[in-house]
C-alpha atoms as a PDB file:
ATOM      1  CA  MET A   1      37.042  98.595  90.999  1.00  0.00           C
ATOM      2  CA  GLN A   2      39.159  97.022  88.284  1.00  0.00           C
ATOM      3  CA  PRO A   3      38.762  98.322  84.707  1.00  0.00           C
ATOM      4  CA  ALA A   4      36.516  96.224  82.503  1.00  0.00           C
ATOM      5  CA  GLU A   5      38.201  94.242  79.751  1.00  0.00           C
ATOM      6  CA  GLN A   6      37.407  95.526  76.285  1.00  0.00           C
ATOM      7  CA  ASP A   7      35.408  94.157  73.352  1.00  0.00           C
ATOM      8  CA  ARG A   8      32.820  92.259  75.331  1.00  0.00           C
ATOM      9  CA  PRO A   9      30.222  90.525  73.140  1.00  0.00           C
ATOM     10  CA  ASP A  10      26.562  91.215  73.800  1.00  0.00           C
ATOM     11  CA  ALA A  11      25.476  87.582  73.673  1.00  0.00           C
ATOM     12  CA  PRO A  12      27.196  84.261  74.403  1.00  0.00           C
ATOM     13  CA  PRO A  13      27.368  81.320  72.003  1.00  0.00           C
ATOM     14  CA  GLU A  14      25.509  78.088  72.517  1.00  0.00           C
ATOM     15  CA  GLY A  15      26.984  75.664  75.032  1.00  0.00           C
ATOM     16  CA  THR A  16      29.617  73.178  73.904  1.00  0.00           C
ATOM     17  CA  PHE A  17      31.811  70.518  75.479  1.00  0.00           C
ATOM     18  CA  GLY A  18      32.238  71.076  79.186  1.00  0.00           C
ATOM     19  CA  GLN A  19      29.234  73.341  79.591  1.00  0.00           C
ATOM     20  CA  ALA A  20      25.535  72.596  79.394  1.00  0.00           C
ATOM     21  CA  VAL A  21      23.753  75.925  78.907  1.00  0.00           C
ATOM     22  CA  LEU A  22      20.168  75.718  80.134  1.00  0.00           C
ATOM     23  CA  GLY A  23      19.167  79.353  79.555  1.00  0.00           C
ATOM     24  CA  GLU A  24      15.457  79.882  78.909  1.00  0.00           C
ATOM     25  CA  GLY A  25      14.888  76.182  79.521  1.00  0.00           C
ATOM     26  CA  ILE A  26      15.127  76.727  83.255  1.00  0.00           C
ATOM     27  CA  ALA A  27      11.619  78.217  83.170  1.00  0.00           C
ATOM     28  CA  GLY A  28      10.166  74.724  82.841  1.00  0.00           C
ATOM     29  CA  LEU A  29      11.815  73.620  86.080  1.00  0.00           C
ATOM     30  CA  PHE A  30      10.021  76.120  88.294  1.00  0.00           C
ATOM     31  CA  ARG A  31       7.189  74.729  90.411  1.00  0.00           C
ATOM     32  CA  PRO A  32       4.340  76.650  92.049  1.00  0.00           C
ATOM     33  CA  ASN A  33       6.175  76.513  95.377  1.00  0.00           C
ATOM     34  CA  THR A  34       9.613  77.545  94.016  1.00  0.00           C
ATOM     35  CA  ARG A  35      10.768  80.581  95.962  1.00  0.00           C
ATOM     36  CA  LEU A  36      14.505  80.752  95.357  1.00  0.00           C
ATOM     37  CA  LEU A  37      16.975  80.253  92.514  1.00  0.00           C
ATOM     38  CA  TYR A  38      20.516  79.603  93.768  1.00  0.00           C
ATOM     39  CA  LEU A  39      23.447  80.156  91.411  1.00  0.00           C
ATOM     40  CA  GLU A  40      27.206  79.812  91.611  1.00  0.00           C
ATOM     41  CA  SER A  41      29.035  81.427  88.717  1.00  0.00           C
ATOM     42  CA  PRO A  42      31.384  80.041  87.721  1.00  0.00           C
ATOM     43  CA  GLY A  43      30.792  76.679  89.369  1.00  0.00           C
ATOM     44  CA  SER A  44      33.600  75.937  91.808  1.00  0.00           C
ATOM     45  CA  GLN A  45      34.256  72.423  90.479  1.00  0.00           C
ATOM     46  CA  THR A  46      33.690  72.548  86.721  1.00  0.00           C
ATOM     47  CA  PHE A  47      33.652  76.321  86.182  1.00  0.00           C
ATOM     48  CA  GLU A  48      30.589  76.733  83.995  1.00  0.00           C
ATOM     49  CA  VAL A  49      29.465  80.375  83.805  1.00  0.00           C
ATOM     50  CA  GLN A  50      25.811  81.198  84.387  1.00  0.00           C
ATOM     51  CA  ASP A  51      23.848  83.806  82.433  1.00  0.00           C
ATOM     52  CA  VAL A  52      22.892  85.638  85.612  1.00  0.00           C
ATOM     53  CA  PRO A  53      20.812  88.453  84.018  1.00  0.00           C
ATOM     54  CA  LEU A  54      18.734  85.950  82.049  1.00  0.00           C
ATOM     55  CA  LEU A  55      18.213  83.519  84.914  1.00  0.00           C
ATOM     56  CA  ALA A  56      17.439  86.297  87.395  1.00  0.00           C
ATOM     57  CA  ARG A  57      14.814  87.714  85.047  1.00  0.00           C
ATOM     58  CA  ILE A  58      13.130  84.330  84.674  1.00  0.00           C
ATOM     59  CA  ALA A  59      13.124  83.828  88.435  1.00  0.00           C
ATOM     60  CA  ARG A  60      11.674  87.275  89.081  1.00  0.00           C
ATOM     61  CA  GLU A  61       8.891  86.689  86.563  1.00  0.00           C
ATOM     62  CA  ARG A  62       7.937  83.614  88.606  1.00  0.00           C
ATOM     63  CA  GLY A  63       8.085  85.320  91.963  1.00  0.00           C
ATOM     64  CA  ALA A  64      11.381  83.764  93.035  1.00  0.00           C
ATOM     65  CA  VAL A  65      14.434  85.391  94.589  1.00  0.00           C
ATOM     66  CA  THR A  66      17.833  84.868  92.944  1.00  0.00           C
ATOM     67  CA  VAL A  67      20.837  84.252  95.176  1.00  0.00           C
ATOM     68  CA  VAL A  68      24.342  84.185  93.671  1.00  0.00           C
ATOM     69  CA  ASP A  69      27.430  82.725  95.326  1.00  0.00           C
ATOM     70  CA  ASN A  70      30.028  85.210  94.090  1.00  0.00           C
ATOM     71  CA  THR A  71      33.036  83.894  96.022  1.00  0.00           C
ATOM     72  CA  TRP A  72      35.104  83.045  92.916  1.00  0.00           C
ATOM     73  CA  ALA A  73      34.905  86.498  91.333  1.00  0.00           C
ATOM     74  CA  THR A  74      34.773  88.602  94.518  1.00  0.00           C
ATOM     75  CA  PRO A  75      33.037  92.000  94.379  1.00  0.00           C
ATOM     76  CA  LEU A  76      36.042  93.322  92.428  1.00  0.00           C
ATOM     77  CA  TYR A  77      35.285  91.267  89.324  1.00  0.00           C
ATOM     78  CA  PHE A  78      31.522  90.683  89.381  1.00  0.00           C
ATOM     79  CA  GLN A  79      28.633  92.386  91.151  1.00  0.00           C
ATOM     80  CA  PRO A  80      25.524  90.178  91.015  1.00  0.00           C
ATOM     81  CA  LEU A  81      23.043  92.817  92.166  1.00  0.00           C
ATOM     82  CA  ARG A  82      23.973  94.994  89.178  1.00  0.00           C
ATOM     83  CA  HIS A  83      23.174  92.024  86.922  1.00  0.00           C
ATOM     84  CA  GLY A  84      19.690  91.353  88.242  1.00  0.00           C
ATOM     85  CA  ALA A  85      20.290  89.126  91.265  1.00  0.00           C
ATOM     86  CA  ASP A  86      18.532  89.853  94.545  1.00  0.00           C
ATOM     87  CA  VAL A  87      21.130  88.512  96.968  1.00  0.00           C
ATOM     88  CA  ALA A  88      24.919  88.066  96.723  1.00  0.00           C
ATOM     89  CA  ILE A  89      26.870  85.921  99.138  1.00  0.00           C
ATOM     90  CA  HIS A  90      30.606  85.487  99.647  1.00  0.00           C
ATOM     91  CA  ALA A  91      32.643  83.028 101.643  1.00  0.00           C
ATOM     92  CA  ALA A  92      34.820  85.725 103.186  1.00  0.00           C
ATOM     93  CA  THR A  93      36.978  82.892 104.486  1.00  0.00           C
ATOM     94  CA  LYS A  94      38.464  82.723 100.992  1.00  0.00           C
ATOM     95  CA  TYR A  95      39.650  85.667  98.862  1.00  0.00           C
ATOM     96  CA  ILE A  96      38.286  88.404 101.106  1.00  0.00           C
ATOM     97  CA  GLY A  97      40.161  87.073 104.139  1.00  0.00           C
ATOM     98  CA  GLY A  98      43.011  85.841 101.988  1.00  0.00           C
ATOM     99  CA  HIS A  99      45.190  84.449 104.785  1.00  0.00           C
ATOM    100  CA  ALA A 100      43.467  81.146 105.642  1.00  0.00           C
ATOM    101  CA  ASP A 101      42.842  82.286 109.214  1.00  0.00           C
ATOM    102  CA  LEU A 102      39.238  83.457 109.064  1.00  0.00           C
ATOM    103  CA  PHE A 103      35.804  81.799 109.125  1.00  0.00           C
ATOM    104  CA  LEU A 104      33.261  84.327 107.886  1.00  0.00           C
ATOM    105  CA  GLY A 105      30.574  84.919 105.282  1.00  0.00           C
ATOM    106  CA  THR A 106      28.812  87.973 103.882  1.00  0.00           C
ATOM    107  CA  VAL A 107      25.308  88.530 102.534  1.00  0.00           C
ATOM    108  CA  THR A 108      24.328  91.592 100.488  1.00  0.00           C
ATOM    109  CA  CYS A 109      20.863  92.192  99.043  1.00  0.00           C
ATOM    110  CA  ASN A 110      18.752  94.676  97.126  1.00  0.00           C
ATOM    111  CA  GLU A 111      16.084  96.793  98.788  1.00  0.00           C
ATOM    112  CA  PRO A 112      13.105  94.440  98.167  1.00  0.00           C
ATOM    113  CA  SER A 113      14.949  91.577  99.892  1.00  0.00           C
ATOM    114  CA  TRP A 114      16.268  93.599 102.807  1.00  0.00           C
ATOM    115  CA  ARG A 115      13.332  93.145 105.213  1.00  0.00           C
ATOM    116  CA  ALA A 116      13.363  89.342 104.897  1.00  0.00           C
ATOM    117  CA  LEU A 117      17.141  89.167 105.180  1.00  0.00           C
ATOM    118  CA  ARG A 118      17.233  91.407 108.246  1.00  0.00           C
ATOM    119  CA  ALA A 119      14.496  89.385 109.934  1.00  0.00           C
ATOM    120  CA  THR A 120      16.342  86.123 109.232  1.00  0.00           C
ATOM    121  CA  VAL A 121      19.635  87.451 110.585  1.00  0.00           C
ATOM    122  CA  SER A 122      17.870  88.584 113.744  1.00  0.00           C
ATOM    123  CA  ALA A 123      15.887  85.367 114.204  1.00  0.00           C
ATOM    124  CA  LEU A 124      18.953  83.150 113.797  1.00  0.00           C
ATOM    125  CA  GLY A 125      21.204  85.341 115.892  1.00  0.00           C
ATOM    126  CA  LEU A 126      23.829  85.621 113.176  1.00  0.00           C
ATOM    127  CA  THR A 127      26.784  87.694 114.312  1.00  0.00           C
ATOM    128  CA  ALA A 128      30.480  88.090 113.540  1.00  0.00           C
ATOM    129  CA  SER A 129      33.120  88.709 116.167  1.00  0.00           C
ATOM    130  CA  PRO A 130      35.141  91.937 116.177  1.00  0.00           C
ATOM    131  CA  ASP A 131      38.319  89.930 115.538  1.00  0.00           C
ATOM    132  CA  ASP A 132      36.822  88.230 112.474  1.00  0.00           C
ATOM    133  CA  CYS A 133      35.635  91.582 111.117  1.00  0.00           C
ATOM    134  CA  TRP A 134      39.134  93.018 111.625  1.00  0.00           C
ATOM    135  CA  LEU A 135      40.691  90.083 109.775  1.00  0.00           C
ATOM    136  CA  ALA A 136      38.252  90.607 106.895  1.00  0.00           C
ATOM    137  CA  LEU A 137      39.128  94.317 106.781  1.00  0.00           C
ATOM    138  CA  ARG A 138      42.821  93.429 106.692  1.00  0.00           C
ATOM    139  CA  GLY A 139      42.168  91.069 103.795  1.00  0.00           C
ATOM    140  CA  LEU A 140      40.128  93.618 101.861  1.00  0.00           C
ATOM    141  CA  ARG A 141      43.027  96.065 102.023  1.00  0.00           C
ATOM    142  CA  SER A 142      45.293  93.693 100.107  1.00  0.00           C
ATOM    143  CA  MET A 143      42.751  91.780  98.009  1.00  0.00           C
ATOM    144  CA  GLY A 144      43.315  93.712  94.785  1.00  0.00           C
ATOM    145  CA  ALA A 145      47.074  93.188  94.905  1.00  0.00           C
ATOM    146  CA  ARG A 146      46.726  89.516  95.847  1.00  0.00           C
ATOM    147  CA  LEU A 147      44.266  88.786  93.061  1.00  0.00           C
ATOM    148  CA  ALA A 148      46.488  90.484  90.482  1.00  0.00           C
ATOM    149  CA  GLN A 149      49.466  88.309  91.443  1.00  0.00           C
ATOM    150  CA  GLN A 150      47.346  85.152  91.639  1.00  0.00           C
ATOM    151  CA  ARG A 151      45.899  85.819  88.174  1.00  0.00           C
ATOM    152  CA  ALA A 152      49.369  86.364  86.681  1.00  0.00           C
ATOM    153  CA  THR A 153      50.605  83.089  88.187  1.00  0.00           C
ATOM    154  CA  THR A 154      47.437  81.305  87.106  1.00  0.00           C
ATOM    155  CA  ASP A 155      48.005  82.333  83.486  1.00  0.00           C
ATOM    156  CA  ARG A 156      51.467  80.760  83.571  1.00  0.00           C
ATOM    157  CA  LEU A 157      50.255  77.536  85.177  1.00  0.00           C
ATOM    158  CA  VAL A 158      47.308  77.234  82.800  1.00  0.00           C
ATOM    159  CA  GLN A 159      49.520  77.662  79.752  1.00  0.00           C
ATOM    160  CA  TRP A 160      51.946  75.010  81.030  1.00  0.00           C
ATOM    161  CA  LEU A 161      49.176  72.567  81.870  1.00  0.00           C
ATOM    162  CA  ARG A 162      47.587  72.931  78.441  1.00  0.00           C
ATOM    163  CA  GLU A 163      50.851  71.709  76.912  1.00  0.00           C
ATOM    164  CA  GLN A 164      50.995  68.496  78.950  1.00  0.00           C
ATOM    165  CA  PRO A 165      49.898  65.308  77.130  1.00  0.00           C
ATOM    166  CA  GLU A 166      48.003  64.077  80.198  1.00  0.00           C
ATOM    167  CA  VAL A 167      45.729  67.135  80.174  1.00  0.00           C
ATOM    168  CA  LEU A 168      42.579  67.002  78.070  1.00  0.00           C
ATOM    169  CA  ARG A 169      41.270  70.474  78.928  1.00  0.00           C
ATOM    170  CA  VAL A 170      41.750  73.289  81.424  1.00  0.00           C
ATOM    171  CA  LEU A 171      38.435  74.599  82.783  1.00  0.00           C
ATOM    172  CA  TYR A 172      38.887  78.349  83.233  1.00  0.00           C
ATOM    173  CA  PRO A 173      36.437  80.931  81.832  1.00  0.00           C
ATOM    174  CA  ALA A 174      39.185  83.455  81.101  1.00  0.00           C
ATOM    175  CA  LEU A 175      40.496  81.171  78.334  1.00  0.00           C
ATOM    176  CA  PRO A 176      39.230  82.230  74.884  1.00  0.00           C
ATOM    177  CA  ASP A 177      38.240  78.665  73.982  1.00  0.00           C
ATOM    178  CA  ASP A 178      36.383  78.018  77.238  1.00  0.00           C
ATOM    179  CA  PRO A 179      32.629  77.430  76.706  1.00  0.00           C
ATOM    180  CA  GLY A 180      31.801  80.137  79.251  1.00  0.00           C
ATOM    181  CA  HIS A 181      34.251  82.717  77.928  1.00  0.00           C
ATOM    182  CA  ALA A 182      31.699  84.884  76.117  1.00  0.00           C
ATOM    183  CA  LEU A 183      29.513  85.197  79.219  1.00  0.00           C
ATOM    184  CA  TRP A 184      32.580  85.863  81.334  1.00  0.00           C
ATOM    185  CA  ARG A 185      33.758  88.650  79.008  1.00  0.00           C
ATOM    186  CA  ARG A 186      30.292  90.162  78.924  1.00  0.00           C
ATOM    187  CA  ASP A 187      29.658  90.264  82.669  1.00  0.00           C
ATOM    188  CA  PHE A 188      32.972  89.980  84.551  1.00  0.00           C
ATOM    189  CA  THR A 189      35.866  92.405  84.822  1.00  0.00           C
ATOM    190  CA  GLY A 190      38.549  89.886  85.774  1.00  0.00           C
ATOM    191  CA  ALA A 191      39.361  86.321  86.786  1.00  0.00           C
ATOM    192  CA  THR A 192      40.829  84.852  89.939  1.00  0.00           C
ATOM    193  CA  GLY A 193      43.114  81.905  90.660  1.00  0.00           C
ATOM    194  CA  LEU A 194      40.779  78.902  90.954  1.00  0.00           C
ATOM    195  CA  PHE A 195      40.423  76.576  87.953  1.00  0.00           C
ATOM    196  CA  GLY A 196      39.922  72.962  86.961  1.00  0.00           C
ATOM    197  CA  VAL A 197      42.042  70.491  85.017  1.00  0.00           C
ATOM    198  CA  LEU A 198      40.388  67.669  83.078  1.00  0.00           C
ATOM    199  CA  LEU A 199      42.836  64.821  82.544  1.00  0.00           C
ATOM    200  CA  GLN A 200      42.932  62.302  79.717  1.00  0.00           C
ATOM    201  CA  PRO A 201      40.919  59.154  80.572  1.00  0.00           C
ATOM    202  CA  ALA A 202      44.022  57.028  79.951  1.00  0.00           C
ATOM    203  CA  VAL A 203      45.721  58.611  82.975  1.00  0.00           C
ATOM    204  CA  GLY A 204      43.563  56.564  85.335  1.00  0.00           C
ATOM    205  CA  ARG A 205      42.399  57.327  88.861  1.00  0.00           C
ATOM    206  CA  ALA A 206      45.363  55.621  90.522  1.00  0.00           C
ATOM    207  CA  ALA A 207      47.773  57.881  88.633  1.00  0.00           C
ATOM    208  CA  LEU A 208      45.628  60.890  89.498  1.00  0.00           C
ATOM    209  CA  GLU A 209      45.956  60.052  93.188  1.00  0.00           C
ATOM    210  CA  ARG A 210      49.717  59.596  92.812  1.00  0.00           C
ATOM    211  CA  LEU A 211      49.933  62.960  91.085  1.00  0.00           C
ATOM    212  CA  VAL A 212      48.197  64.680  93.997  1.00  0.00           C
ATOM    213  CA  ASP A 213      50.388  62.878  96.533  1.00  0.00           C
ATOM    214  CA  ALA A 214      53.548  63.755  94.591  1.00  0.00           C
ATOM    215  CA  THR A 215      53.109  67.525  94.910  1.00  0.00           C
ATOM    216  CA  ARG A 216      55.224  69.114  97.615  1.00  0.00           C
ATOM    217  CA  LEU A 217      54.508  72.843  97.435  1.00  0.00           C
ATOM    218  CA  PHE A 218      50.772  72.563  96.819  1.00  0.00           C
ATOM    219  CA  GLY A 219      48.707  71.949  99.914  1.00  0.00           C
ATOM    220  CA  HIS A 220      45.775  69.532  99.829  1.00  0.00           C
ATOM    221  CA  GLY A 221      42.619  71.163 101.094  1.00  0.00           C
ATOM    222  CA  TYR A 222      39.227  72.515 100.114  1.00  0.00           C
ATOM    223  CA  SER A 223      39.080  76.078 101.451  1.00  0.00           C
ATOM    224  CA  TRP A 224      40.694  77.875  98.513  1.00  0.00           C
ATOM    225  CA  GLY A 225      41.424  81.562  98.084  1.00  0.00           C
ATOM    226  CA  GLY A 226      44.176  81.964 100.662  1.00  0.00           C
ATOM    227  CA  PHE A 227      47.906  82.595 100.407  1.00  0.00           C
ATOM    228  CA  GLU A 228      48.748  78.905  99.933  1.00  0.00           C
ATOM    229  CA  SER A 229      48.298  77.055  96.650  1.00  0.00           C
ATOM    230  CA  LEU A 230      46.048  74.004  96.886  1.00  0.00           C
ATOM    231  CA  LEU A 231      45.477  71.006  94.616  1.00  0.00           C
ATOM    232  CA  ILE A 232      42.791  68.353  95.103  1.00  0.00           C
ATOM    233  CA  PRO A 233      41.000  65.751  92.976  1.00  0.00           C
ATOM    234  CA  SER A 234      37.428  66.800  92.225  1.00  0.00           C
ATOM    235  CA  HIS A 235      34.613  64.568  93.422  1.00  0.00           C
ATOM    236  CA  PRO A 236      32.838  62.624  90.626  1.00  0.00           C
ATOM    237  CA  GLU A 237      29.399  63.460  92.047  1.00  0.00           C
ATOM    238  CA  ARG A 238      30.100  67.146  91.480  1.00  0.00           C
ATOM    239  CA  ASN A 239      31.007  66.705  87.812  1.00  0.00           C
ATOM    240  CA  HIS A 240      29.201  68.693  85.168  1.00  0.00           C
ATOM    241  CA  PRO A 241      26.573  66.750  83.183  1.00  0.00           C
ATOM    242  CA  ALA A 242      28.480  67.375  79.948  1.00  0.00           C
ATOM    243  CA  LEU A 243      31.520  65.534  81.323  1.00  0.00           C
ATOM    244  CA  PRO A 244      31.812  61.731  81.487  1.00  0.00           C
ATOM    245  CA  ALA A 245      30.810  60.143  84.774  1.00  0.00           C
ATOM    246  CA  ASP A 246      34.353  58.867  85.323  1.00  0.00           C
ATOM    247  CA  ALA A 247      36.052  62.163  84.426  1.00  0.00           C
ATOM    248  CA  LEU A 248      39.410  62.750  86.080  1.00  0.00           C
ATOM    249  CA  LEU A 249      39.415  66.253  87.465  1.00  0.00           C
ATOM    250  CA  LEU A 250      41.843  68.328  89.473  1.00  0.00           C
ATOM    251  CA  ARG A 251      40.974  71.613  91.121  1.00  0.00           C
ATOM    252  CA  ILE A 252      43.829  74.044  91.616  1.00  0.00           C
ATOM    253  CA  SER A 253      43.774  77.171  93.741  1.00  0.00           C
ATOM    254  CA  VAL A 254      46.761  79.405  93.041  1.00  0.00           C
ATOM    255  CA  GLY A 255      48.259  81.158  96.027  1.00  0.00           C
ATOM    256  CA  LEU A 256      51.073  83.654  96.459  1.00  0.00           C
ATOM    257  CA  GLU A 257      54.097  81.414  95.965  1.00  0.00           C
ATOM    258  CA  ALA A 258      56.515  82.152  93.126  1.00  0.00           C
ATOM    259  CA  ALA A 259      55.163  80.933  89.797  1.00  0.00           C
ATOM    260  CA  GLY A 260      58.444  79.193  88.966  1.00  0.00           C
ATOM    261  CA  ASP A 261      58.321  77.176  92.174  1.00  0.00           C
ATOM    262  CA  LEU A 262      54.741  76.069  91.512  1.00  0.00           C
ATOM    263  CA  LEU A 263      55.611  75.069  87.946  1.00  0.00           C
ATOM    264  CA  ALA A 264      58.587  73.063  89.170  1.00  0.00           C
ATOM    265  CA  ASP A 265      56.364  71.240  91.654  1.00  0.00           C
ATOM    266  CA  LEU A 266      53.834  70.355  88.966  1.00  0.00           C
ATOM    267  CA  ASP A 267      56.602  69.296  86.602  1.00  0.00           C
ATOM    268  CA  GLN A 268      58.105  66.821  89.053  1.00  0.00           C
ATOM    269  CA  ALA A 269      54.664  65.471  89.972  1.00  0.00           C
ATOM    270  CA  PHE A 270      53.753  64.824  86.323  1.00  0.00           C
ATOM    271  CA  ALA A 271      57.193  63.294  85.747  1.00  0.00           C
ATOM    272  CA  ARG A 272      56.570  60.836  88.566  1.00  0.00           C
ATOM    273  CA  ILE A 273      53.285  59.556  87.150  1.00  0.00           C
ATOM    274  CA  ARG A 274      54.896  59.202  83.727  1.00  0.00           C
ATOM    275  CA  ALA A 275      57.567  57.068  85.337  1.00  0.00           C
ATOM    276  CA  GLY A 276      54.909  55.029  87.117  1.00  0.00           C
ATOM    277  CA  ALA A 277      56.218  56.086  90.514  1.00  0.00           C
END
């Protein structure tokens, strides 16, 4: 377990640009037949942080189970069950595997949810092969070291991106000015290497596509969390409600390449769109 960062506030501020905080208002969305509240914190496209203890309490009061997708933080940096959730899931394909050669998921639950989960696993015949389990074990052995390097590289890339005139905002809860930073500091003990980049509207979608195509070291793919850095445009239909419908978004997953090489690749890609190439 990584040491918790110090000076965590007890309560987060109200939501601002880039994050719509629903909070207690979610209670009005429950229906008599609502049985499950599904959360992803932070969101893997726009990186809003959920108030898991609050939302889990509201769900429990209404007889619903709370499930949290914890793939971004991994069990090293956030443990949903300790914050009131009933079930935690991870795409072990990503940070847990870490080598982009594994297709696996994990489900962990508290005692009240165990009977239903065990019955579902049995009824659906869910199993994992010995080879996949071995690959996950291999990944777990190096996950702490990989995440530390990916976070250090991420900090360098984020700082560089924030200085580029084409960038409107970097979406990353570890940043002090991020709308979800207070919740992140309260509940999480670290941050990983997946973040979003909101570009200035004047950049235009054609330039965004040229920027993606211009990168040479970054791969273009969706299954983040491995050794290879990835960069993709984010889909408009997944945008956060607080962002404009035509927002230009990039999602970057930082791998294990040298930070200087990744920065050089971004630099030449931005240079090309500035030149209209």
